[in-house]
Amino acid sequence: MAIRIALKHKETGIIKDGFYGFSWTTLFFGFFPALFRGDFITFIGGFVIYVIIAMMTFGIGAFFVGFIWAFMYNKYYTCKLIERGYVLAGSDADNALAASRLGVVAVG
């Protein structure tokens, strides 16, 4: 189950939600959660790969890709936000837990 953590951009002050843990929305809706979060490159790239694998394996491979991606997407999305200048902005305990799960240094 996904856990939400607040992220704040160091320079602009924009606050976004980051997530870590299993993504049920990604499991059920494929790459569309990336589109809804504004992660357009991930949506396009993932959707293209998804379609290619689905065509090559008559749809069976697409199920496995979706299942594996559901475990990976939240961490991927949140780490990309951190790379773009966002920092963890929750409580100290929440930041420490999120940093350990994401494999990043809790700065903020």
PDB file of N, CA and C in Angstrom:
ATOM      1  N   MET A   1       0.836  -1.172   0.000  1.00  0.00           N
ATOM      2  CA  MET A   1       0.000   0.000   0.000  1.00  0.00           C
ATOM      3  C   MET A   1       0.889   1.245   0.000  1.00  0.00           C
ATOM      4  N   ALA A   2       0.499   2.216  -0.768  1.00  0.00           N
ATOM      5  CA  ALA A   2       1.294   3.441  -0.910  1.00  0.00           C
ATOM      6  C   ALA A   2       1.158   4.324   0.322  1.00  0.00           C
ATOM      7  N   ILE A   3       2.269   4.941   0.670  1.00  0.00           N
ATOM      8  CA  ILE A   3       2.296   5.892   1.770  1.00  0.00           C
ATOM      9  C   ILE A   3       2.650   7.254   1.189  1.00  0.00           C
ATOM     10  N   ARG A   4       1.891   8.264   1.571  1.00  0.00           N
ATOM     11  CA  ARG A   4       2.069   9.625   1.048  1.00  0.00           C
ATOM     12  C   ARG A   4       3.062  10.386   1.913  1.00  0.00           C
ATOM     13  N   ILE A   5       3.933  11.163   1.258  1.00  0.00           N
ATOM     14  CA  ILE A   5       4.868  12.036   1.961  1.00  0.00           C
ATOM     15  C   ILE A   5       4.885  13.390   1.254  1.00  0.00           C
ATOM     16  N   ALA A   6       4.845  14.447   2.006  1.00  0.00           N
ATOM     17  CA  ALA A   6       4.866  15.792   1.425  1.00  0.00           C
ATOM     18  C   ALA A   6       6.279  16.129   0.956  1.00  0.00           C
ATOM     19  N   LEU A   7       6.363  16.765  -0.196  1.00  0.00           N
ATOM     20  CA  LEU A   7       7.628  17.236  -0.753  1.00  0.00           C
ATOM     21  C   LEU A   7       7.487  18.716  -1.063  1.00  0.00           C
ATOM     22  N   LYS A   8       8.549  19.474  -0.811  1.00  0.00           N
ATOM     23  CA  LYS A   8       8.525  20.910  -1.077  1.00  0.00           C
ATOM     24  C   LYS A   8       9.740  21.274  -1.906  1.00  0.00           C
ATOM     25  N   HIS A   9       9.516  22.041  -2.960  1.00  0.00           N
ATOM     26  CA  HIS A   9      10.634  22.471  -3.808  1.00  0.00           C
ATOM     27  C   HIS A   9      11.461  23.508  -3.059  1.00  0.00           C
ATOM     28  N   LYS A  10      12.786  23.331  -3.083  1.00  0.00           N
ATOM     29  CA  LYS A  10      13.683  24.205  -2.319  1.00  0.00           C
ATOM     30  C   LYS A  10      13.610  25.660  -2.757  1.00  0.00           C
ATOM     31  N   GLU A  11      13.460  25.916  -4.038  1.00  0.00           N
ATOM     32  CA  GLU A  11      13.514  27.284  -4.551  1.00  0.00           C
ATOM     33  C   GLU A  11      12.141  27.919  -4.724  1.00  0.00           C
ATOM     34  N   THR A  12      11.185  27.174  -5.266  1.00  0.00           N
ATOM     35  CA  THR A  12       9.888  27.764  -5.572  1.00  0.00           C
ATOM     36  C   THR A  12       8.882  27.636  -4.435  1.00  0.00           C
ATOM     37  N   GLY A  13       9.088  26.677  -3.543  1.00  0.00           N
ATOM     38  CA  GLY A  13       8.148  26.461  -2.451  1.00  0.00           C
ATOM     39  C   GLY A  13       6.919  25.658  -2.834  1.00  0.00           C
ATOM     40  N   ILE A  14       6.869  25.155  -4.050  1.00  0.00           N
ATOM     41  CA  ILE A  14       5.734  24.340  -4.495  1.00  0.00           C
ATOM     42  C   ILE A  14       5.715  23.042  -3.702  1.00  0.00           C
ATOM     43  N   ILE A  15       4.542  22.662  -3.231  1.00  0.00           N
ATOM     44  CA  ILE A  15       4.386  21.429  -2.450  1.00  0.00           C
ATOM     45  C   ILE A  15       3.680  20.390  -3.312  1.00  0.00           C
ATOM     46  N   LYS A  16       4.254  19.196  -3.353  1.00  0.00           N
ATOM     47  CA  LYS A  16       3.662  18.064  -4.070  1.00  0.00           C
ATOM     48  C   LYS A  16       3.653  16.865  -3.151  1.00  0.00           C
ATOM     49  N   ASP A  17       2.809  15.922  -3.476  1.00  0.00           N
ATOM     50  CA  ASP A  17       2.784  14.660  -2.743  1.00  0.00           C
ATOM     51  C   ASP A  17       3.710  13.669  -3.425  1.00  0.00           C
ATOM     52  N   GLY A  18       4.527  13.030  -2.626  1.00  0.00           N
ATOM     53  CA  GLY A  18       5.338  11.918  -3.091  1.00  0.00           C
ATOM     54  C   GLY A  18       4.776  10.654  -2.471  1.00  0.00           C
ATOM     55  N   PHE A  19       5.127   9.521  -3.018  1.00  0.00           N
ATOM     56  CA  PHE A  19       4.597   8.254  -2.536  1.00  0.00           C
ATOM     57  C   PHE A  19       5.703   7.219  -2.502  1.00  0.00           C
ATOM     58  N   TYR A  20       5.547   6.239  -1.651  1.00  0.00           N
ATOM     59  CA  TYR A  20       6.411   5.071  -1.684  1.00  0.00           C
ATOM     60  C   TYR A  20       5.578   3.874  -1.241  1.00  0.00           C
ATOM     61  N   GLY A  21       5.981   2.714  -1.694  1.00  0.00           N
ATOM     62  CA  GLY A  21       5.207   1.505  -1.435  1.00  0.00           C
ATOM     63  C   GLY A  21       4.462   1.066  -2.686  1.00  0.00           C
ATOM     64  N   PHE A  22       3.692   0.005  -2.559  1.00  0.00           N
ATOM     65  CA  PHE A  22       2.970  -0.592  -3.679  1.00  0.00           C
ATOM     66  C   PHE A  22       1.901   0.354  -4.205  1.00  0.00           C
ATOM     67  N   SER A  23       1.782   0.469  -5.524  1.00  0.00           N
ATOM     68  CA  SER A  23       0.814   1.375  -6.149  1.00  0.00           C
ATOM     69  C   SER A  23      -0.366   0.589  -6.717  1.00  0.00           C
ATOM     70  N   TRP A  24      -1.462   0.591  -5.984  1.00  0.00           N
ATOM     71  CA  TRP A  24      -2.666  -0.086  -6.470  1.00  0.00           C
ATOM     72  C   TRP A  24      -3.226   0.595  -7.710  1.00  0.00           C
ATOM     73  N   THR A  25      -3.136   1.913  -7.769  1.00  0.00           N
ATOM     74  CA  THR A  25      -3.662   2.605  -8.952  1.00  0.00           C
ATOM     75  C   THR A  25      -2.866   2.230 -10.197  1.00  0.00           C
ATOM     76  N   THR A  26      -1.560   2.055 -10.050  1.00  0.00           N
ATOM     77  CA  THR A  26      -0.750   1.632 -11.192  1.00  0.00           C
ATOM     78  C   THR A  26      -1.088   0.202 -11.578  1.00  0.00           C
ATOM     79  N   LEU A  27      -1.351  -0.658 -10.609  1.00  0.00           N
ATOM     80  CA  LEU A  27      -1.722  -2.031 -10.922  1.00  0.00           C
ATOM     81  C   LEU A  27      -3.013  -2.075 -11.731  1.00  0.00           C
ATOM     82  N   PHE A  28      -4.015  -1.285 -11.322  1.00  0.00           N
ATOM     83  CA  PHE A  28      -5.313  -1.333 -11.992  1.00  0.00           C
ATOM     84  C   PHE A  28      -5.392  -0.464 -13.248  1.00  0.00           C
ATOM     85  N   PHE A  29      -4.637   0.622 -13.305  1.00  0.00           N
ATOM     86  CA  PHE A  29      -4.770   1.557 -14.420  1.00  0.00           C
ATOM     87  C   PHE A  29      -3.513   1.687 -15.264  1.00  0.00           C
ATOM     88  N   GLY A  30      -2.532   0.837 -15.049  1.00  0.00           N
ATOM     89  CA  GLY A  30      -1.328   0.844 -15.876  1.00  0.00           C
ATOM     90  C   GLY A  30      -0.518   2.109 -15.711  1.00  0.00           C
ATOM     91  N   PHE A  31      -0.205   2.739 -16.813  1.00  0.00           N
ATOM     92  CA  PHE A  31       0.647   3.922 -16.795  1.00  0.00           C
ATOM     93  C   PHE A  31      -0.137   5.229 -16.686  1.00  0.00           C
ATOM     94  N   PHE A  32      -1.452   5.164 -16.561  1.00  0.00           N
ATOM     95  CA  PHE A  32      -2.260   6.377 -16.470  1.00  0.00           C
ATOM     96  C   PHE A  32      -2.026   7.197 -15.195  1.00  0.00           C
ATOM     97  N   PRO A  33      -1.717   6.606 -14.054  1.00  0.00           N
ATOM     98  CA  PRO A  33      -1.380   7.453 -12.899  1.00  0.00           C
ATOM     99  C   PRO A  33      -0.197   8.386 -13.186  1.00  0.00           C
ATOM    100  N   ALA A  34       0.757   7.946 -13.990  1.00  0.00           N
ATOM    101  CA  ALA A  34       1.873   8.822 -14.374  1.00  0.00           C
ATOM    102  C   ALA A  34       1.347  10.022 -15.153  1.00  0.00           C
ATOM    103  N   LEU A  35       0.401   9.799 -16.032  1.00  0.00           N
ATOM    104  CA  LEU A  35      -0.196  10.889 -16.804  1.00  0.00           C
ATOM    105  C   LEU A  35      -0.921  11.862 -15.880  1.00  0.00           C
ATOM    106  N   PHE A  36      -1.681  11.347 -14.922  1.00  0.00           N
ATOM    107  CA  PHE A  36      -2.439  12.204 -14.017  1.00  0.00           C
ATOM    108  C   PHE A  36      -1.544  12.991 -13.079  1.00  0.00           C
ATOM    109  N   ARG A  37      -0.345  12.487 -12.795  1.00  0.00           N
ATOM    110  CA  ARG A  37       0.610  13.198 -11.935  1.00  0.00           C
ATOM    111  C   ARG A  37       1.478  14.174 -12.726  1.00  0.00           C
ATOM    112  N   GLY A  38       1.297  14.232 -14.026  1.00  0.00           N
ATOM    113  CA  GLY A  38       2.083  15.141 -14.853  1.00  0.00           C
ATOM    114  C   GLY A  38       3.428  14.578 -15.261  1.00  0.00           C
ATOM    115  N   ASP A  39       3.611  13.292 -15.106  1.00  0.00           N
ATOM    116  CA  ASP A  39       4.854  12.603 -15.452  1.00  0.00           C
ATOM    117  C   ASP A  39       4.710  12.068 -16.886  1.00  0.00           C
ATOM    118  N   PHE A  40       4.712  12.990 -17.858  1.00  0.00           N
ATOM    119  CA  PHE A  40       4.360  12.657 -19.233  1.00  0.00           C
ATOM    120  C   PHE A  40       5.362  11.730 -19.915  1.00  0.00           C
ATOM    121  N   ILE A  41       6.644  11.938 -19.679  1.00  0.00           N
ATOM    122  CA  ILE A  41       7.663  11.104 -20.323  1.00  0.00           C
ATOM    123  C   ILE A  41       7.542   9.654 -19.859  1.00  0.00           C
ATOM    124  N   THR A  42       7.316   9.463 -18.572  1.00  0.00           N
ATOM    125  CA  THR A  42       7.142   8.101 -18.051  1.00  0.00           C
ATOM    126  C   THR A  42       5.888   7.474 -18.629  1.00  0.00           C
ATOM    127  N   PHE A  43       4.820   8.248 -18.738  1.00  0.00           N
ATOM    128  CA  PHE A  43       3.587   7.719 -19.314  1.00  0.00           C
ATOM    129  C   PHE A  43       3.808   7.275 -20.748  1.00  0.00           C
ATOM    130  N   ILE A  44       4.389   8.128 -21.567  1.00  0.00           N
ATOM    131  CA  ILE A  44       4.574   7.796 -22.986  1.00  0.00           C
ATOM    132  C   ILE A  44       5.515   6.611 -23.144  1.00  0.00           C
ATOM    133  N   GLY A  45       6.673   6.669 -22.466  1.00  0.00           N
ATOM    134  CA  GLY A  45       7.641   5.577 -22.581  1.00  0.00           C
ATOM    135  C   GLY A  45       7.091   4.265 -22.066  1.00  0.00           C
ATOM    136  N   GLY A  46       6.457   4.307 -20.910  1.00  0.00           N
ATOM    137  CA  GLY A  46       5.893   3.092 -20.335  1.00  0.00           C
ATOM    138  C   GLY A  46       4.770   2.523 -21.178  1.00  0.00           C
ATOM    139  N   PHE A  47       3.918   3.391 -21.688  1.00  0.00           N
ATOM    140  CA  PHE A  47       2.798   2.929 -22.512  1.00  0.00           C
ATOM    141  C   PHE A  47       3.292   2.259 -23.789  1.00  0.00           C
ATOM    142  N   VAL A  48       4.304   2.838 -24.420  1.00  0.00           N
ATOM    143  CA  VAL A  48       4.868   2.257 -25.643  1.00  0.00           C
ATOM    144  C   VAL A  48       5.477   0.886 -25.343  1.00  0.00           C
ATOM    145  N   ILE A  49       6.256   0.800 -24.278  1.00  0.00           N
ATOM    146  CA  ILE A  49       6.853  -0.491 -23.902  1.00  0.00           C
ATOM    147  C   ILE A  49       5.770  -1.508 -23.571  1.00  0.00           C
ATOM    148  N   TYR A  50       4.754  -1.072 -22.852  1.00  0.00           N
ATOM    149  CA  TYR A  50       3.639  -1.926 -22.477  1.00  0.00           C
ATOM    150  C   TYR A  50       2.950  -2.501 -23.716  1.00  0.00           C
ATOM    151  N   VAL A  51       2.683  -1.661 -24.698  1.00  0.00           N
ATOM    152  CA  VAL A  51       2.005  -2.103 -25.919  1.00  0.00           C
ATOM    153  C   VAL A  51       2.890  -3.063 -26.715  1.00  0.00           C
ATOM    154  N   ILE A  52       4.169  -2.754 -26.821  1.00  0.00           N
ATOM    155  CA  ILE A  52       5.084  -3.629 -27.564  1.00  0.00           C
ATOM    156  C   ILE A  52       5.160  -5.003 -26.916  1.00  0.00           C
ATOM    157  N   ILE A  53       5.316  -5.037 -25.603  1.00  0.00           N
ATOM    158  CA  ILE A  53       5.387  -6.332 -24.908  1.00  0.00           C
ATOM    159  C   ILE A  53       4.064  -7.076 -25.019  1.00  0.00           C
ATOM    160  N   ALA A  54       2.958  -6.355 -24.944  1.00  0.00           N
ATOM    161  CA  ALA A  54       1.647  -6.984 -25.082  1.00  0.00           C
ATOM    162  C   ALA A  54       1.485  -7.616 -26.460  1.00  0.00           C
ATOM    163  N   MET A  55       1.937  -6.939 -27.504  1.00  0.00           N
ATOM    164  CA  MET A  55       1.826  -7.486 -28.856  1.00  0.00           C
ATOM    165  C   MET A  55       2.737  -8.696 -29.043  1.00  0.00           C
ATOM    166  N   MET A  56       3.916  -8.656 -28.445  1.00  0.00           N
ATOM    167  CA  MET A  56       4.865  -9.761 -28.611  1.00  0.00           C
ATOM    168  C   MET A  56       4.449 -11.007 -27.834  1.00  0.00           C
ATOM    169  N   THR A  57       3.710 -10.843 -26.757  1.00  0.00           N
ATOM    170  CA  THR A  57       3.361 -11.985 -25.903  1.00  0.00           C
ATOM    171  C   THR A  57       1.860 -12.255 -25.860  1.00  0.00           C
ATOM    172  N   PHE A  58       1.118 -11.692 -26.802  1.00  0.00           N
ATOM    173  CA  PHE A  58      -0.329 -11.868 -26.872  1.00  0.00           C
ATOM    174  C   PHE A  58      -1.033 -11.431 -25.590  1.00  0.00           C
ATOM    175  N   GLY A  59      -0.504 -10.389 -24.949  1.00  0.00           N
ATOM    176  CA  GLY A  59      -1.135  -9.802 -23.782  1.00  0.00           C
ATOM    177  C   GLY A  59      -0.659 -10.344 -22.448  1.00  0.00           C
ATOM    178  N   ILE A  60      -0.064 -11.514 -22.438  1.00  0.00           N
ATOM    179  CA  ILE A  60       0.352 -12.124 -21.177  1.00  0.00           C
ATOM    180  C   ILE A  60       1.488 -11.330 -20.532  1.00  0.00           C
ATOM    181  N   GLY A  61       2.459 -10.917 -21.323  1.00  0.00           N
ATOM    182  CA  GLY A  61       3.595 -10.167 -20.803  1.00  0.00           C
ATOM    183  C   GLY A  61       3.182  -8.824 -20.221  1.00  0.00           C
ATOM    184  N   ALA A  62       2.122  -8.229 -20.772  1.00  0.00           N
ATOM    185  CA  ALA A  62       1.651  -6.930 -20.287  1.00  0.00           C
ATOM    186  C   ALA A  62       1.179  -7.035 -18.843  1.00  0.00           C
ATOM    187  N   PHE A  63       0.578  -8.150 -18.484  1.00  0.00           N
ATOM    188  CA  PHE A  63       0.147  -8.352 -17.098  1.00  0.00           C
ATOM    189  C   PHE A  63       1.351  -8.336 -16.158  1.00  0.00           C
ATOM    190  N   PHE A  64       2.403  -9.041 -16.540  1.00  0.00           N
ATOM    191  CA  PHE A  64       3.589  -9.100 -15.691  1.00  0.00           C
ATOM    192  C   PHE A  64       4.299  -7.746 -15.607  1.00  0.00           C
ATOM    193  N   VAL A  65       4.347  -7.029 -16.721  1.00  0.00           N
ATOM    194  CA  VAL A  65       4.944  -5.691 -16.710  1.00  0.00           C
ATOM    195  C   VAL A  65       4.164  -4.780 -15.773  1.00  0.00           C
ATOM    196  N   GLY A  66       2.852  -4.816 -15.849  1.00  0.00           N
ATOM    197  CA  GLY A  66       2.013  -3.987 -14.979  1.00  0.00           C
ATOM    198  C   GLY A  66       2.178  -4.343 -13.514  1.00  0.00           C
ATOM    199  N   PHE A  67       2.291  -5.620 -13.225  1.00  0.00           N
ATOM    200  CA  PHE A  67       2.451  -6.070 -11.838  1.00  0.00           C
ATOM    201  C   PHE A  67       3.793  -5.615 -11.270  1.00  0.00           C
ATOM    202  N   ILE A  68       4.852  -5.780 -12.032  1.00  0.00           N
ATOM    203  CA  ILE A  68       6.183  -5.365 -11.579  1.00  0.00           C
ATOM    204  C   ILE A  68       6.252  -3.844 -11.440  1.00  0.00           C
ATOM    205  N   TRP A  69       5.683  -3.120 -12.396  1.00  0.00           N
ATOM    206  CA  TRP A  69       5.720  -1.653 -12.369  1.00  0.00           C
ATOM    207  C   TRP A  69       4.953  -1.099 -11.168  1.00  0.00           C
ATOM    208  N   ALA A  70       3.908  -1.800 -10.719  1.00  0.00           N
ATOM    209  CA  ALA A  70       3.146  -1.359  -9.544  1.00  0.00           C
ATOM    210  C   ALA A  70       4.019  -1.344  -8.289  1.00  0.00           C
ATOM    211  N   PHE A  71       5.008  -2.203  -8.219  1.00  0.00           N
ATOM    212  CA  PHE A  71       5.933  -2.208  -7.097  1.00  0.00           C
ATOM    213  C   PHE A  71       6.970  -1.094  -7.211  1.00  0.00           C
ATOM    214  N   MET A  72       7.261  -0.644  -8.410  1.00  0.00           N
ATOM    215  CA  MET A  72       8.357   0.286  -8.645  1.00  0.00           C
ATOM    216  C   MET A  72       7.950   1.746  -8.815  1.00  0.00           C
ATOM    217  N   TYR A  73       6.753   2.028  -9.300  1.00  0.00           N
ATOM    218  CA  TYR A  73       6.436   3.371  -9.778  1.00  0.00           C
ATOM    219  C   TYR A  73       6.465   4.450  -8.701  1.00  0.00           C
ATOM    220  N   ASN A  74       5.884   4.207  -7.543  1.00  0.00           N
ATOM    221  CA  ASN A  74       5.836   5.264  -6.526  1.00  0.00           C
ATOM    222  C   ASN A  74       7.229   5.716  -6.115  1.00  0.00           C
ATOM    223  N   LYS A  75       8.124   4.773  -5.897  1.00  0.00           N
ATOM    224  CA  LYS A  75       9.500   5.126  -5.533  1.00  0.00           C
ATOM    225  C   LYS A  75      10.169   5.875  -6.684  1.00  0.00           C
ATOM    226  N   TYR A  76       9.957   5.412  -7.904  1.00  0.00           N
ATOM    227  CA  TYR A  76      10.539   6.064  -9.078  1.00  0.00           C
ATOM    228  C   TYR A  76      10.068   7.518  -9.183  1.00  0.00           C
ATOM    229  N   TYR A  77       8.779   7.736  -9.059  1.00  0.00           N
ATOM    230  CA  TYR A  77       8.196   9.074  -9.175  1.00  0.00           C
ATOM    231  C   TYR A  77       8.741  10.012  -8.093  1.00  0.00           C
ATOM    232  N   THR A  78       8.758   9.539  -6.856  1.00  0.00           N
ATOM    233  CA  THR A  78       9.214  10.373  -5.748  1.00  0.00           C
ATOM    234  C   THR A  78      10.702  10.687  -5.865  1.00  0.00           C
ATOM    235  N   CYS A  79      11.501   9.714  -6.257  1.00  0.00           N
ATOM    236  CA  CYS A  79      12.944   9.964  -6.440  1.00  0.00           C
ATOM    237  C   CYS A  79      13.186  10.962  -7.574  1.00  0.00           C
ATOM    238  N   LYS A  80      12.383  10.920  -8.615  1.00  0.00           N
ATOM    239  CA  LYS A  80      12.514  11.895  -9.700  1.00  0.00           C
ATOM    240  C   LYS A  80      12.185  13.307  -9.197  1.00  0.00           C
ATOM    241  N   LEU A  81      11.182  13.438  -8.337  1.00  0.00           N
ATOM    242  CA  LEU A  81      10.872  14.749  -7.759  1.00  0.00           C
ATOM    243  C   LEU A  81      12.040  15.246  -6.911  1.00  0.00           C
ATOM    244  N   ILE A  82      12.645  14.369  -6.141  1.00  0.00           N
ATOM    245  CA  ILE A  82      13.780  14.747  -5.308  1.00  0.00           C
ATOM    246  C   ILE A  82      14.954  15.182  -6.180  1.00  0.00           C
ATOM    247  N   GLU A  83      15.178  14.498  -7.296  1.00  0.00           N
ATOM    248  CA  GLU A  83      16.235  14.892  -8.226  1.00  0.00           C
ATOM    249  C   GLU A  83      15.985  16.275  -8.825  1.00  0.00           C
ATOM    250  N   ARG A  84      14.708  16.659  -8.962  1.00  0.00           N
ATOM    251  CA  ARG A  84      14.369  17.963  -9.538  1.00  0.00           C
ATOM    252  C   ARG A  84      14.356  19.080  -8.496  1.00  0.00           C
ATOM    253  N   GLY A  85      14.787  18.801  -7.275  1.00  0.00           N
ATOM    254  CA  GLY A  85      14.924  19.862  -6.287  1.00  0.00           C
ATOM    255  C   GLY A  85      13.927  19.847  -5.150  1.00  0.00           C
ATOM    256  N   TYR A  86      13.097  18.848  -5.058  1.00  0.00           N
ATOM    257  CA  TYR A  86      12.150  18.741  -3.958  1.00  0.00           C
ATOM    258  C   TYR A  86      12.838  18.090  -2.757  1.00  0.00           C
ATOM    259  N   VAL A  87      12.409  18.451  -1.571  1.00  0.00           N
ATOM    260  CA  VAL A  87      12.915  17.843  -0.343  1.00  0.00           C
ATOM    261  C   VAL A  87      11.735  17.322   0.468  1.00  0.00           C
ATOM    262  N   LEU A  88      11.987  16.349   1.321  1.00  0.00           N
ATOM    263  CA  LEU A  88      10.948  15.789   2.166  1.00  0.00           C
ATOM    264  C   LEU A  88      10.466  16.863   3.136  1.00  0.00           C
ATOM    265  N   ALA A  89       9.155  17.027   3.244  1.00  0.00           N
ATOM    266  CA  ALA A  89       8.606  18.121   4.044  1.00  0.00           C
ATOM    267  C   ALA A  89       7.582  17.646   5.066  1.00  0.00           C
ATOM    268  N   GLY A  90       7.680  16.390   5.472  1.00  0.00           N
ATOM    269  CA  GLY A  90       6.777  15.889   6.498  1.00  0.00           C
ATOM    270  C   GLY A  90       7.394  16.083   7.873  1.00  0.00           C
ATOM    271  N   SER A  91       6.877  15.362   8.843  1.00  0.00           N
ATOM    272  CA  SER A  91       7.466  15.411  10.182  1.00  0.00           C
ATOM    273  C   SER A  91       8.827  14.710  10.148  1.00  0.00           C
ATOM    274  N   ASP A  92       9.627  14.916  11.169  1.00  0.00           N
ATOM    275  CA  ASP A  92      10.955  14.304  11.211  1.00  0.00           C
ATOM    276  C   ASP A  92      10.874  12.777  11.129  1.00  0.00           C
ATOM    277  N   ALA A  93       9.925  12.195  11.840  1.00  0.00           N
ATOM    278  CA  ALA A  93       9.766  10.739  11.826  1.00  0.00           C
ATOM    279  C   ALA A  93       9.325  10.251  10.447  1.00  0.00           C
ATOM    280  N   ASP A  94       8.361  10.962   9.841  1.00  0.00           N
ATOM    281  CA  ASP A  94       7.892  10.585   8.504  1.00  0.00           C
ATOM    282  C   ASP A  94       9.004  10.730   7.471  1.00  0.00           C
ATOM    283  N   ASN A  95       9.777  11.812   7.586  1.00  0.00           N
ATOM    284  CA  ASN A  95      10.891  12.032   6.662  1.00  0.00           C
ATOM    285  C   ASN A  95      11.948  10.939   6.789  1.00  0.00           C
ATOM    286  N   ALA A  96      12.265  10.543   8.013  1.00  0.00           N
ATOM    287  CA  ALA A  96      13.266   9.499   8.227  1.00  0.00           C
ATOM    288  C   ALA A  96      12.795   8.172   7.651  1.00  0.00           C
ATOM    289  N   LEU A  97      11.523   7.825   7.870  1.00  0.00           N
ATOM    290  CA  LEU A  97      10.986   6.579   7.332  1.00  0.00           C
ATOM    291  C   LEU A  97      10.969   6.609   5.807  1.00  0.00           C
ATOM    292  N   ALA A  98      10.495   7.714   5.242  1.00  0.00           N
ATOM    293  CA  ALA A  98      10.444   7.839   3.777  1.00  0.00           C
ATOM    294  C   ALA A  98      11.842   7.782   3.180  1.00  0.00           C
ATOM    295  N   ALA A  99      12.791   8.462   3.794  1.00  0.00           N
ATOM    296  CA  ALA A  99      14.162   8.464   3.281  1.00  0.00           C
ATOM    297  C   ALA A  99      14.753   7.069   3.294  1.00  0.00           C
ATOM    298  N   SER A 100      14.486   6.309   4.338  1.00  0.00           N
ATOM    299  CA  SER A 100      15.028   4.949   4.390  1.00  0.00           C
ATOM    300  C   SER A 100      14.369   4.051   3.351  1.00  0.00           C
ATOM    301  N   ARG A 101      13.069   4.209   3.125  1.00  0.00           N
ATOM    302  CA  ARG A 101      12.363   3.394   2.131  1.00  0.00           C
ATOM    303  C   ARG A 101      12.735   3.777   0.709  1.00  0.00           C
ATOM    304  N   LEU A 102      13.005   5.069   0.497  1.00  0.00           N
ATOM    305  CA  LEU A 102      13.356   5.547  -0.840  1.00  0.00           C
ATOM    306  C   LEU A 102      14.841   5.428  -1.137  1.00  0.00           C
ATOM    307  N   GLY A 103      15.652   5.273  -0.105  1.00  0.00           N
ATOM    308  CA  GLY A 103      17.086   5.179  -0.291  1.00  0.00           C
ATOM    309  C   GLY A 103      17.721   6.527  -0.573  1.00  0.00           C
ATOM    310  N   VAL A 104      17.189   7.573   0.050  1.00  0.00           N
ATOM    311  CA  VAL A 104      17.726   8.937  -0.128  1.00  0.00           C
ATOM    312  C   VAL A 104      18.116   9.496   1.225  1.00  0.00           C
ATOM    313  N   VAL A 105      18.796  10.610   1.217  1.00  0.00           N
ATOM    314  CA  VAL A 105      19.176  11.294   2.451  1.00  0.00           C
ATOM    315  C   VAL A 105      18.077  12.287   2.794  1.00  0.00           C
ATOM    316  N   ALA A 106      17.602  12.254   4.027  1.00  0.00           N
ATOM    317  CA  ALA A 106      16.529  13.149   4.459  1.00  0.00           C
ATOM    318  C   ALA A 106      17.100  14.533   4.728  1.00  0.00           C
ATOM    319  N   VAL A 107      16.901  15.442   3.770  1.00  0.00           N
ATOM    320  CA  VAL A 107      17.332  16.830   3.924  1.00  0.00           C
ATOM    321  C   VAL A 107      16.084  17.678   3.913  1.00  0.00           C
ATOM    322  N   GLY A 108      15.954  18.609   4.782  1.00  0.00           N
ATOM    323  CA  GLY A 108      14.772  19.439   4.754  1.00  0.00           C
ATOM    324  C   GLY A 108      14.578  20.065   6.027  1.00  0.00           C
TER     325      GLY A 108
END
